[in-house]
All heavy atoms as atom14 arrays in JSON, in Angstrom:
{
  "sequence": "LPLYQGEQDSLDYAVRPTYWDGVDIVAASPIVYDAEFALPVRQMQDPH",
  "atom14_mask": [
    [1, 1, 1, 1, 1, 1, 1, 1, 0, 0, 0, 0, 0, 0],
    [1, 1, 1, 1, 1, 1, 1, 0, 0, 0, 0, 0, 0, 0],
    [1, 1, 1, 1, 1, 1, 1, 1, 0, 0, 0, 0, 0, 0],
    [1, 1, 1, 1, 1, 1, 1, 1, 1, 1, 1, 1, 0, 0],
    [1, 1, 1, 1, 1, 1, 1, 1, 1, 0, 0, 0, 0, 0],
    [1, 1, 1, 1, 0, 0, 0, 0, 0, 0, 0, 0, 0, 0],
    [1, 1, 1, 1, 1, 1, 1, 1, 1, 0, 0, 0, 0, 0],
    [1, 1, 1, 1, 1, 1, 1, 1, 1, 0, 0, 0, 0, 0],
    [1, 1, 1, 1, 1, 1, 1, 1, 0, 0, 0, 0, 0, 0],
    [1, 1, 1, 1, 1, 1, 0, 0, 0, 0, 0, 0, 0, 0],
    [1, 1, 1, 1, 1, 1, 1, 1, 0, 0, 0, 0, 0, 0],
    [1, 1, 1, 1, 1, 1, 1, 1, 0, 0, 0, 0, 0, 0],
    [1, 1, 1, 1, 1, 1, 1, 1, 1, 1, 1, 1, 0, 0],
    [1, 1, 1, 1, 1, 0, 0, 0, 0, 0, 0, 0, 0, 0],
    [1, 1, 1, 1, 1, 1, 1, 0, 0, 0, 0, 0, 0, 0],
    [1, 1, 1, 1, 1, 1, 1, 1, 1, 1, 1, 0, 0, 0],
    [1, 1, 1, 1, 1, 1, 1, 0, 0, 0, 0, 0, 0, 0],
    [1, 1, 1, 1, 1, 1, 1, 0, 0, 0, 0, 0, 0, 0],
    [1, 1, 1, 1, 1, 1, 1, 1, 1, 1, 1, 1, 0, 0],
    [1, 1, 1, 1, 1, 1, 1, 1, 1, 1, 1, 1, 1, 1],
    [1, 1, 1, 1, 1, 1, 1, 1, 0, 0, 0, 0, 0, 0],
    [1, 1, 1, 1, 0, 0, 0, 0, 0, 0, 0, 0, 0, 0],
    [1, 1, 1, 1, 1, 1, 1, 0, 0, 0, 0, 0, 0, 0],
    [1, 1, 1, 1, 1, 1, 1, 1, 0, 0, 0, 0, 0, 0],
    [1, 1, 1, 1, 1, 1, 1, 1, 0, 0, 0, 0, 0, 0],
    [1, 1, 1, 1, 1, 1, 1, 0, 0, 0, 0, 0, 0, 0],
    [1, 1, 1, 1, 1, 0, 0, 0, 0, 0, 0, 0, 0, 0],
    [1, 1, 1, 1, 1, 0, 0, 0, 0, 0, 0, 0, 0, 0],
    [1, 1, 1, 1, 1, 1, 0, 0, 0, 0, 0, 0, 0, 0],
    [1, 1, 1, 1, 1, 1, 1, 0, 0, 0, 0, 0, 0, 0],
    [1, 1, 1, 1, 1, 1, 1, 1, 0, 0, 0, 0, 0, 0],
    [1, 1, 1, 1, 1, 1, 1, 0, 0, 0, 0, 0, 0, 0],
    [1, 1, 1, 1, 1, 1, 1, 1, 1, 1, 1, 1, 0, 0],
    [1, 1, 1, 1, 1, 1, 1, 1, 0, 0, 0, 0, 0, 0],
    [1, 1, 1, 1, 1, 0, 0, 0, 0, 0, 0, 0, 0, 0],
    [1, 1, 1, 1, 1, 1, 1, 1, 1, 0, 0, 0, 0, 0],
    [1, 1, 1, 1, 1, 1, 1, 1, 1, 1, 1, 0, 0, 0],
    [1, 1, 1, 1, 1, 0, 0, 0, 0, 0, 0, 0, 0, 0],
    [1, 1, 1, 1, 1, 1, 1, 1, 0, 0, 0, 0, 0, 0],
    [1, 1, 1, 1, 1, 1, 1, 0, 0, 0, 0, 0, 0, 0],
    [1, 1, 1, 1, 1, 1, 1, 0, 0, 0, 0, 0, 0, 0],
    [1, 1, 1, 1, 1, 1, 1, 1, 1, 1, 1, 0, 0, 0],
    [1, 1, 1, 1, 1, 1, 1, 1, 1, 0, 0, 0, 0, 0],
    [1, 1, 1, 1, 1, 1, 1, 1, 0, 0, 0, 0, 0, 0],
    [1, 1, 1, 1, 1, 1, 1, 1, 1, 0, 0, 0, 0, 0],
    [1, 1, 1, 1, 1, 1, 1, 1, 0, 0, 0, 0, 0, 0],
    [1, 1, 1, 1, 1, 1, 1, 0, 0, 0, 0, 0, 0, 0],
    [1, 1, 1, 1, 1, 1, 1, 1, 1, 1, 0, 0, 0, 0]
  ],
  "atom14_positions": [
    [[-0.66, -0.72, -2.12], [-0.41, 0.14, -3.26], [-1.13, 1.43, -3.3], [-0.67, 2.37, -3.62], [-0.87, -0.79, -4.51], [-0.39, -0.07, -5.88], [1.06, 0.24, -5.91], [-0.78, -1.08, -7.07], [0.0, 0.0, 0.0], [0.0, 0.0, 0.0], [0.0, 0.0, 0.0], [0.0, 0.0, 0.0], [0.0, 0.0, 0.0], [0.0, 0.0, 0.0]],
    [[-2.55, 1.44, -3.03], [-3.21, 2.74, -2.98], [-2.51, 3.86, -2.05], [-2.42, 5.03, -2.35], [-4.64, 2.53, -2.52], [-4.82, 1.1, -2.94], [-3.51, 0.37, -2.71], [0.0, 0.0, 0.0], [0.0, 0.0, 0.0], [0.0, 0.0, 0.0], [0.0, 0.0, 0.0], [0.0, 0.0, 0.0], [0.0, 0.0, 0.0], [0.0, 0.0, 0.0]],
    [[-1.92, 3.3, -0.9], [-1.07, 4.2, -0.09], [0.16, 4.79, -0.81], [0.41, 5.94, -0.76], [-0.75, 3.47, 1.2], [0.13, 4.23, 2.16], [-0.76, 5.3, 2.92], [0.77, 3.26, 3.22], [0.0, 0.0, 0.0], [0.0, 0.0, 0.0], [0.0, 0.0, 0.0], [0.0, 0.0, 0.0], [0.0, 0.0, 0.0], [0.0, 0.0, 0.0]],
    [[0.82, 3.82, -1.48], [1.98, 4.25, -2.17], [1.74, 5.16, -3.29], [2.52, 5.95, -3.69], [2.81, 3.08, -2.52], [3.52, 2.29, -1.48], [4.26, 1.21, -1.67], [3.51, 2.8, -0.14], [4.92, 0.48, -0.58], [4.24, 2.28, 0.79], [4.88, 1.08, 0.63], [5.51, 0.42, 1.76], [0.0, 0.0, 0.0], [0.0, 0.0, 0.0]],
    [[0.6, 4.98, -3.9], [0.21, 5.82, -5.08], [-0.36, 7.18, -4.68], [-0.45, 8.05, -5.52], [-0.88, 5.02, -5.97], [-0.36, 3.88, -6.61], [-1.52, 3.07, -7.41], [-2.6, 3.05, -6.89], [-1.15, 2.51, -8.48], [0.0, 0.0, 0.0], [0.0, 0.0, 0.0], [0.0, 0.0, 0.0], [0.0, 0.0, 0.0], [0.0, 0.0, 0.0]],
    [[-0.54, 7.44, -3.41], [-1.07, 8.65, -2.79], [-2.42, 8.7, -2.76], [-3.1, 9.84, -2.56], [0.0, 0.0, 0.0], [0.0, 0.0, 0.0], [0.0, 0.0, 0.0], [0.0, 0.0, 0.0], [0.0, 0.0, 0.0], [0.0, 0.0, 0.0], [0.0, 0.0, 0.0], [0.0, 0.0, 0.0], [0.0, 0.0, 0.0], [0.0, 0.0, 0.0]],
    [[-3.19, 7.7, -3.11], [-4.68, 7.67, -3.09], [-5.35, 7.53, -1.72], [-6.41, 7.89, -1.55], [-5.26, 6.63, -3.96], [-4.83, 6.74, -5.48], [-5.17, 5.52, -6.28], [-5.89, 4.59, -5.71], [-4.93, 5.45, -7.51], [0.0, 0.0, 0.0], [0.0, 0.0, 0.0], [0.0, 0.0, 0.0], [0.0, 0.0, 0.0], [0.0, 0.0, 0.0]],
    [[-4.51, 7.07, -0.72], [-4.87, 7.03, 0.54], [-3.84, 7.43, 1.51], [-2.63, 7.51, 1.13], [-5.13, 5.42, 0.99], [-6.28, 4.87, 0.2], [-7.58, 5.18, 0.66], [-7.81, 5.75, 1.73], [-8.64, 4.72, -0.05], [0.0, 0.0, 0.0], [0.0, 0.0, 0.0], [0.0, 0.0, 0.0], [0.0, 0.0, 0.0], [0.0, 0.0, 0.0]],
    [[-4.29, 8.03, 2.74], [-3.29, 8.46, 3.66], [-3.02, 7.52, 4.85], [-2.04, 7.65, 5.54], [-3.78, 9.82, 4.28], [-3.8, 10.97, 3.24], [-2.93, 10.99, 2.4], [-4.9, 11.84, 3.27], [0.0, 0.0, 0.0], [0.0, 0.0, 0.0], [0.0, 0.0, 0.0], [0.0, 0.0, 0.0], [0.0, 0.0, 0.0], [0.0, 0.0, 0.0]],
    [[-3.93, 6.53, 4.86], [-3.84, 5.59, 6.1], [-4.03, 4.25, 5.56], [-4.9, 4.09, 4.6], [-4.75, 5.92, 7.18], [-4.81, 4.83, 8.08], [0.0, 0.0, 0.0], [0.0, 0.0, 0.0], [0.0, 0.0, 0.0], [0.0, 0.0, 0.0], [0.0, 0.0, 0.0], [0.0, 0.0, 0.0], [0.0, 0.0, 0.0], [0.0, 0.0, 0.0]],
    [[-3.46, 3.19, 6.23], [-3.66, 1.84, 5.73], [-4.91, 1.16, 6.32], [-5.25, 0.03, 6.01], [-2.43, 1.0, 6.09], [-1.41, 0.83, 5.01], [-0.26, -0.12, 5.6], [-1.97, 0.12, 3.77], [0.0, 0.0, 0.0], [0.0, 0.0, 0.0], [0.0, 0.0, 0.0], [0.0, 0.0, 0.0], [0.0, 0.0, 0.0], [0.0, 0.0, 0.0]],
    [[-5.72, 1.95, 7.01], [-6.91, 1.37, 7.64], [-7.73, 0.64, 6.57], [-8.5, -0.31, 6.94], [-7.71, 2.52, 8.26], [-7.04, 3.03, 9.48], [-6.15, 3.88, 9.37], [-7.49, 2.73, 10.63], [0.0, 0.0, 0.0], [0.0, 0.0, 0.0], [0.0, 0.0, 0.0], [0.0, 0.0, 0.0], [0.0, 0.0, 0.0], [0.0, 0.0, 0.0]],
    [[-7.84, 1.25, 5.34], [-8.79, 0.74, 4.35], [-8.43, -0.71, 3.95], [-9.31, -1.39, 3.5], [-8.65, 1.61, 3.13], [-7.24, 1.5, 2.29], [-7.05, 0.49, 1.42], [-6.18, 2.26, 2.7], [-5.86, 0.43, 0.86], [-5.03, 2.2, 2.12], [-4.83, 1.25, 1.18], [-3.53, 1.09, 0.59], [0.0, 0.0, 0.0], [0.0, 0.0, 0.0]],
    [[-7.21, -1.22, 4.23], [-6.8, -2.5, 3.59], [-6.68, -3.59, 4.66], [-6.47, -4.66, 4.36], [-5.36, -2.31, 3.03], [0.0, 0.0, 0.0], [0.0, 0.0, 0.0], [0.0, 0.0, 0.0], [0.0, 0.0, 0.0], [0.0, 0.0, 0.0], [0.0, 0.0, 0.0], [0.0, 0.0, 0.0], [0.0, 0.0, 0.0], [0.0, 0.0, 0.0]],
    [[-7.09, -3.37, 5.94], [-6.88, -4.24, 7.07], [-8.08, -5.39, 6.78], [-9.15, -5.02, 6.68], [-7.02, -3.61, 8.31], [-6.89, -4.69, 9.53], [-5.68, -2.7, 8.49], [0.0, 0.0, 0.0], [0.0, 0.0, 0.0], [0.0, 0.0, 0.0], [0.0, 0.0, 0.0], [0.0, 0.0, 0.0], [0.0, 0.0, 0.0], [0.0, 0.0, 0.0]],
    [[-7.65, -6.6, 7.02], [-8.65, -7.63, 6.99], [-8.27, -8.76, 8.0], [-7.06, -8.87, 8.39], [-8.75, -8.34, 5.7], [-7.57, -8.93, 5.11], [-7.42, -9.15, 3.65], [-8.42, -10.29, 3.23], [-8.7, -10.57, 2.02], [-8.17, -9.86, 1.02], [-9.53, -11.5, 1.65], [0.0, 0.0, 0.0], [0.0, 0.0, 0.0], [0.0, 0.0, 0.0]],
    [[-9.23, -9.44, 8.53], [-8.93, -10.61, 9.51], [-8.33, -11.71, 8.84], [-8.43, -11.87, 7.58], [-10.32, -10.85, 10.13], [-11.24, -10.51, 9.03], [-10.69, -9.31, 8.26], [0.0, 0.0, 0.0], [0.0, 0.0, 0.0], [0.0, 0.0, 0.0], [0.0, 0.0, 0.0], [0.0, 0.0, 0.0], [0.0, 0.0, 0.0], [0.0, 0.0, 0.0]],
    [[-7.73, -12.74, 9.67], [-7.17, -13.84, 9.17], [-7.91, -15.04, 9.78], [-8.67, -14.72, 10.83], [-5.69, -13.95, 9.26], [-5.34, -14.05, 10.61], [-4.94, -12.69, 8.67], [0.0, 0.0, 0.0], [0.0, 0.0, 0.0], [0.0, 0.0, 0.0], [0.0, 0.0, 0.0], [0.0, 0.0, 0.0], [0.0, 0.0, 0.0], [0.0, 0.0, 0.0]],
    [[-7.51, -16.25, 9.47], [-8.03, -17.37, 10.17], [-7.5, -17.42, 11.64], [-8.1, -18.18, 12.56], [-7.72, -18.75, 9.42], [-6.3, -19.18, 9.65], [-6.08, -20.27, 10.61], [-5.19, -18.58, 9.08], [-4.75, -20.67, 10.81], [-3.91, -18.97, 9.4], [-3.67, -20.09, 10.24], [-2.44, -20.44, 10.54], [0.0, 0.0, 0.0], [0.0, 0.0, 0.0]],
    [[-6.43, -16.85, 11.83], [-5.79, -16.84, 13.24], [-6.3, -15.64, 14.07], [-5.94, -14.63, 13.73], [-4.22, -16.89, 13.08], [-3.49, -17.08, 14.27], [-3.25, -16.19, 15.26], [-2.98, -18.44, 14.67], [-2.46, -17.0, 16.24], [-2.36, -18.22, 15.88], [-2.97, -19.67, 14.05], [-1.64, -19.36, 16.5], [-2.33, -20.69, 14.69], [-1.65, -20.48, 15.85]],
    [[-7.01, -15.97, 15.13], [-7.59, -15.0, 15.94], [-6.42, -14.04, 16.56], [-5.34, -14.58, 16.95], [-8.38, -15.62, 17.13], [-9.11, -14.58, 18.0], [-10.21, -14.13, 17.45], [-8.69, -14.29, 19.05], [0.0, 0.0, 0.0], [0.0, 0.0, 0.0], [0.0, 0.0, 0.0], [0.0, 0.0, 0.0], [0.0, 0.0, 0.0], [0.0, 0.0, 0.0]],
    [[-6.77, -12.76, 16.47], [-5.72, -11.88, 17.05], [-4.63, -11.45, 16.02], [-3.8, -10.56, 16.43], [0.0, 0.0, 0.0], [0.0, 0.0, 0.0], [0.0, 0.0, 0.0], [0.0, 0.0, 0.0], [0.0, 0.0, 0.0], [0.0, 0.0, 0.0], [0.0, 0.0, 0.0], [0.0, 0.0, 0.0], [0.0, 0.0, 0.0], [0.0, 0.0, 0.0]],
    [[-4.65, -11.91, 14.87], [-3.67, -11.49, 13.81], [-4.56, -11.06, 12.48], [-5.31, -11.84, 11.9], [-2.83, -12.74, 13.32], [-1.93, -12.18, 12.21], [-1.85, -13.12, 14.49], [0.0, 0.0, 0.0], [0.0, 0.0, 0.0], [0.0, 0.0, 0.0], [0.0, 0.0, 0.0], [0.0, 0.0, 0.0], [0.0, 0.0, 0.0], [0.0, 0.0, 0.0]],
    [[-4.48, -9.77, 12.36], [-5.14, -9.17, 11.09], [-4.04, -8.93, 10.01], [-2.8, -8.95, 10.37], [-5.82, -7.89, 11.31], [-6.99, -8.03, 12.24], [-7.51, -9.17, 12.28], [-7.48, -7.08, 12.77], [0.0, 0.0, 0.0], [0.0, 0.0, 0.0], [0.0, 0.0, 0.0], [0.0, 0.0, 0.0], [0.0, 0.0, 0.0], [0.0, 0.0, 0.0]],
    [[-4.29, -8.68, 8.76], [-3.28, -8.49, 7.7], [-3.71, -7.43, 6.76], [-4.86, -7.28, 6.48], [-3.13, -9.87, 7.05], [-1.74, -9.82, 6.14], [-4.34, -10.35, 6.26], [-1.47, -11.12, 5.45], [0.0, 0.0, 0.0], [0.0, 0.0, 0.0], [0.0, 0.0, 0.0], [0.0, 0.0, 0.0], [0.0, 0.0, 0.0], [0.0, 0.0, 0.0]],
    [[-2.65, -6.77, 6.22], [-2.86, -6.04, 5.02], [-2.1, -6.88, 3.93], [-0.9, -7.07, 4.01], [-2.11, -4.61, 5.03], [-2.02, -4.02, 3.57], [-2.72, -3.7, 6.16], [0.0, 0.0, 0.0], [0.0, 0.0, 0.0], [0.0, 0.0, 0.0], [0.0, 0.0, 0.0], [0.0, 0.0, 0.0], [0.0, 0.0, 0.0], [0.0, 0.0, 0.0]],
    [[-2.9, -7.49, 3.05], [-2.49, -8.64, 2.25], [-1.69, -8.07, 1.04], [-1.6, -6.83, 0.82], [-3.62, -9.42, 1.74], [0.0, 0.0, 0.0], [0.0, 0.0, 0.0], [0.0, 0.0, 0.0], [0.0, 0.0, 0.0], [0.0, 0.0, 0.0], [0.0, 0.0, 0.0], [0.0, 0.0, 0.0], [0.0, 0.0, 0.0], [0.0, 0.0, 0.0]],
    [[-1.23, -9.11, 0.33], [-0.3, -8.72, -0.85], [-0.79, -9.52, -2.12], [-1.17, -10.62, -1.88], [1.12, -8.79, -0.62], [0.0, 0.0, 0.0], [0.0, 0.0, 0.0], [0.0, 0.0, 0.0], [0.0, 0.0, 0.0], [0.0, 0.0, 0.0], [0.0, 0.0, 0.0], [0.0, 0.0, 0.0], [0.0, 0.0, 0.0], [0.0, 0.0, 0.0]],
    [[-0.54, -9.08, -3.26], [-0.61, -9.77, -4.49], [0.32, -9.28, -5.49], [1.04, -8.27, -5.2], [-2.11, -9.78, -5.09], [-2.28, -8.48, -5.52], [0.0, 0.0, 0.0], [0.0, 0.0, 0.0], [0.0, 0.0, 0.0], [0.0, 0.0, 0.0], [0.0, 0.0, 0.0], [0.0, 0.0, 0.0], [0.0, 0.0, 0.0], [0.0, 0.0, 0.0]],
    [[0.54, -9.98, -6.67], [1.58, -9.36, -7.54], [1.41, -7.92, -7.92], [2.45, -7.21, -8.33], [1.38, -10.29, -8.85], [0.92, -11.59, -8.21], [-0.02, -11.27, -7.05], [0.0, 0.0, 0.0], [0.0, 0.0, 0.0], [0.0, 0.0, 0.0], [0.0, 0.0, 0.0], [0.0, 0.0, 0.0], [0.0, 0.0, 0.0], [0.0, 0.0, 0.0]],
    [[0.17, -7.4, -7.8], [-0.02, -5.85, -8.18], [0.89, -4.95, -7.25], [1.18, -3.91, -7.64], [-1.52, -5.59, -7.97], [-1.8, -4.21, -8.62], [-1.94, -5.59, -6.48], [-1.54, -4.12, -10.13], [0.0, 0.0, 0.0], [0.0, 0.0, 0.0], [0.0, 0.0, 0.0], [0.0, 0.0, 0.0], [0.0, 0.0, 0.0], [0.0, 0.0, 0.0]],
    [[1.22, -5.45, -6.1], [2.12, -4.77, -5.16], [3.38, -4.35, -5.79], [3.95, -3.35, -5.33], [2.21, -5.46, -3.82], [3.33, -4.9, -3.0], [0.98, -5.52, -3.02], [0.0, 0.0, 0.0], [0.0, 0.0, 0.0], [0.0, 0.0, 0.0], [0.0, 0.0, 0.0], [0.0, 0.0, 0.0], [0.0, 0.0, 0.0], [0.0, 0.0, 0.0]],
    [[3.84, -5.08, -6.78], [5.13, -4.68, -7.41], [5.02, -3.3, -7.99], [6.08, -2.65, -8.25], [5.42, -5.7, -8.48], [6.81, -5.55, -9.09], [7.99, -5.82, -8.31], [6.95, -4.99, -10.4], [9.24, -5.61, -8.9], [8.24, -4.75, -10.99], [9.29, -5.1, -10.28], [10.56, -4.89, -10.76], [0.0, 0.0, 0.0], [0.0, 0.0, 0.0]],
    [[3.92, -2.87, -8.36], [3.71, -1.52, -8.91], [4.19, -0.42, -8.01], [4.36, 0.73, -8.44], [2.31, -1.26, -9.36], [1.92, -1.95, -10.64], [2.8, -2.71, -11.16], [0.75, -1.95, -11.16], [0.0, 0.0, 0.0], [0.0, 0.0, 0.0], [0.0, 0.0, 0.0], [0.0, 0.0, 0.0], [0.0, 0.0, 0.0], [0.0, 0.0, 0.0]],
    [[4.33, -0.79, -6.74], [4.83, 0.27, -5.76], [6.25, 0.69, -6.22], [6.58, 1.83, -5.92], [4.95, -0.34, -4.42], [0.0, 0.0, 0.0], [0.0, 0.0, 0.0], [0.0, 0.0, 0.0], [0.0, 0.0, 0.0], [0.0, 0.0, 0.0], [0.0, 0.0, 0.0], [0.0, 0.0, 0.0], [0.0, 0.0, 0.0], [0.0, 0.0, 0.0]],
    [[6.98, -0.13, -6.81], [8.32, 0.19, -7.13], [8.42, 1.24, -8.28], [9.45, 1.69, -8.65], [9.01, -1.1, -7.53], [9.2, -2.23, -6.55], [9.69, -1.63, -5.27], [10.67, -0.95, -5.26], [9.04, -1.87, -4.18], [0.0, 0.0, 0.0], [0.0, 0.0, 0.0], [0.0, 0.0, 0.0], [0.0, 0.0, 0.0], [0.0, 0.0, 0.0]],
    [[7.27, 1.4, -9.0], [7.11, 2.45, -9.9], [6.49, 3.75, -9.33], [6.66, 4.84, -9.65], [6.39, 1.95, -11.14], [7.0, 0.79, -11.87], [6.61, -0.53, -11.53], [8.0, 0.84, -12.71], [7.09, -1.61, -12.09], [8.71, -0.31, -13.31], [8.21, -1.42, -12.96], [0.0, 0.0, 0.0], [0.0, 0.0, 0.0], [0.0, 0.0, 0.0]],
    [[5.43, 3.42, -8.5], [4.67, 4.54, -7.99], [5.45, 5.51, -7.13], [5.26, 6.79, -7.22], [3.48, 4.02, -7.2], [0.0, 0.0, 0.0], [0.0, 0.0, 0.0], [0.0, 0.0, 0.0], [0.0, 0.0, 0.0], [0.0, 0.0, 0.0], [0.0, 0.0, 0.0], [0.0, 0.0, 0.0], [0.0, 0.0, 0.0], [0.0, 0.0, 0.0]],
    [[6.23, 5.02, -6.32], [6.97, 5.86, -5.39], [8.0, 6.75, -6.05], [8.14, 7.85, -5.85], [7.67, 5.01, -4.23], [6.7, 4.49, -3.18], [7.39, 3.51, -2.36], [5.99, 5.54, -2.4], [0.0, 0.0, 0.0], [0.0, 0.0, 0.0], [0.0, 0.0, 0.0], [0.0, 0.0, 0.0], [0.0, 0.0, 0.0], [0.0, 0.0, 0.0]],
    [[8.94, 6.18, -7.0], [9.83, 7.0, -7.72], [9.18, 8.17, -8.58], [9.64, 9.19, -8.77], [10.69, 6.18, -8.53], [9.86, 4.72, -8.57], [9.07, 4.76, -7.26], [0.0, 0.0, 0.0], [0.0, 0.0, 0.0], [0.0, 0.0, 0.0], [0.0, 0.0, 0.0], [0.0, 0.0, 0.0], [0.0, 0.0, 0.0], [0.0, 0.0, 0.0]],
    [[7.9, 7.75, -9.19], [7.23, 8.73, -9.89], [6.81, 9.88, -9.15], [6.85, 11.12, -9.54], [5.95, 8.11, -10.6], [4.96, 9.17, -11.16], [6.37, 7.11, -11.81], [0.0, 0.0, 0.0], [0.0, 0.0, 0.0], [0.0, 0.0, 0.0], [0.0, 0.0, 0.0], [0.0, 0.0, 0.0], [0.0, 0.0, 0.0], [0.0, 0.0, 0.0]],
    [[6.2, 9.55, -7.92], [5.86, 10.73, -6.98], [7.09, 11.6, -6.59], [6.94, 12.77, -6.4], [5.18, 10.16, -5.82], [3.84, 9.44, -6.03], [3.28, 8.83, -4.76], [2.87, 9.88, -3.78], [2.43, 9.71, -2.59], [2.38, 8.44, -2.16], [2.16, 10.61, -1.84], [0.0, 0.0, 0.0], [0.0, 0.0, 0.0], [0.0, 0.0, 0.0]],
    [[8.14, 10.83, -6.44], [9.44, 11.6, -6.03], [9.74, 12.62, -7.28], [10.36, 13.68, -7.05], [10.58, 10.79, -5.76], [11.81, 11.42, -5.18], [12.94, 10.42, -4.93], [12.89, 9.32, -5.41], [13.93, 10.8, -4.16], [0.0, 0.0, 0.0], [0.0, 0.0, 0.0], [0.0, 0.0, 0.0], [0.0, 0.0, 0.0], [0.0, 0.0, 0.0]],
    [[9.73, 12.04, -8.42], [10.02, 12.87, -9.59], [9.14, 14.1, -9.7], [9.53, 15.28, -10.11], [10.04, 12.06, -10.93], [11.09, 10.99, -11.03], [10.87, 10.04, -12.45], [10.99, 11.24, -13.82], [0.0, 0.0, 0.0], [0.0, 0.0, 0.0], [0.0, 0.0, 0.0], [0.0, 0.0, 0.0], [0.0, 0.0, 0.0], [0.0, 0.0, 0.0]],
    [[7.86, 13.95, -9.38], [6.91, 15.1, -9.46], [7.02, 16.13, -8.37], [6.81, 17.21, -8.63], [5.57, 14.38, -9.48], [5.05, 13.59, -10.67], [3.91, 12.8, -10.52], [3.28, 12.62, -9.46], [3.26, 12.4, -11.6], [0.0, 0.0, 0.0], [0.0, 0.0, 0.0], [0.0, 0.0, 0.0], [0.0, 0.0, 0.0], [0.0, 0.0, 0.0]],
    [[7.65, 15.65, -7.2], [7.78, 16.44, -6.15], [9.17, 16.19, -5.41], [9.27, 15.23, -4.82], [6.62, 16.26, -5.11], [6.78, 17.17, -3.78], [7.68, 18.02, -3.81], [5.98, 16.92, -2.86], [0.0, 0.0, 0.0], [0.0, 0.0, 0.0], [0.0, 0.0, 0.0], [0.0, 0.0, 0.0], [0.0, 0.0, 0.0], [0.0, 0.0, 0.0]],
    [[10.16, 17.03, -5.68], [11.46, 16.83, -5.08], [11.48, 16.69, -3.62], [12.35, 16.2, -3.01], [12.26, 18.01, -5.59], [11.51, 18.54, -6.83], [10.07, 18.24, -6.45], [0.0, 0.0, 0.0], [0.0, 0.0, 0.0], [0.0, 0.0, 0.0], [0.0, 0.0, 0.0], [0.0, 0.0, 0.0], [0.0, 0.0, 0.0], [0.0, 0.0, 0.0]],
    [[10.54, 17.34, -2.89], [10.56, 17.29, -1.53], [9.75, 16.11, -0.89], [9.51, 15.9, 0.3], [9.82, 18.63, -0.94], [10.57, 19.82, -1.46], [11.79, 20.15, -0.82], [10.15, 20.79, -2.3], [12.18, 21.29, -1.41], [11.27, 21.69, -2.32], [0.0, 0.0, 0.0], [0.0, 0.0, 0.0], [0.0, 0.0, 0.0], [0.0, 0.0, 0.0]]
  ]
}
C-alpha cells in the first residue's frame, strides 16, 4: 500500500522472511484493499 500511495518508490521496505527458507514475502492484509482507491486518486491528480 505505501508504494501505491506514492509514499515509497521501492518495495524493499516491505520484504520479510517466511518459515520456508529461500522464500521471502511482501505480505498482505485487508488494508491492501485501499490500493483500489489510492491509485485512481493519484491518476485524477496527475493525468500523466
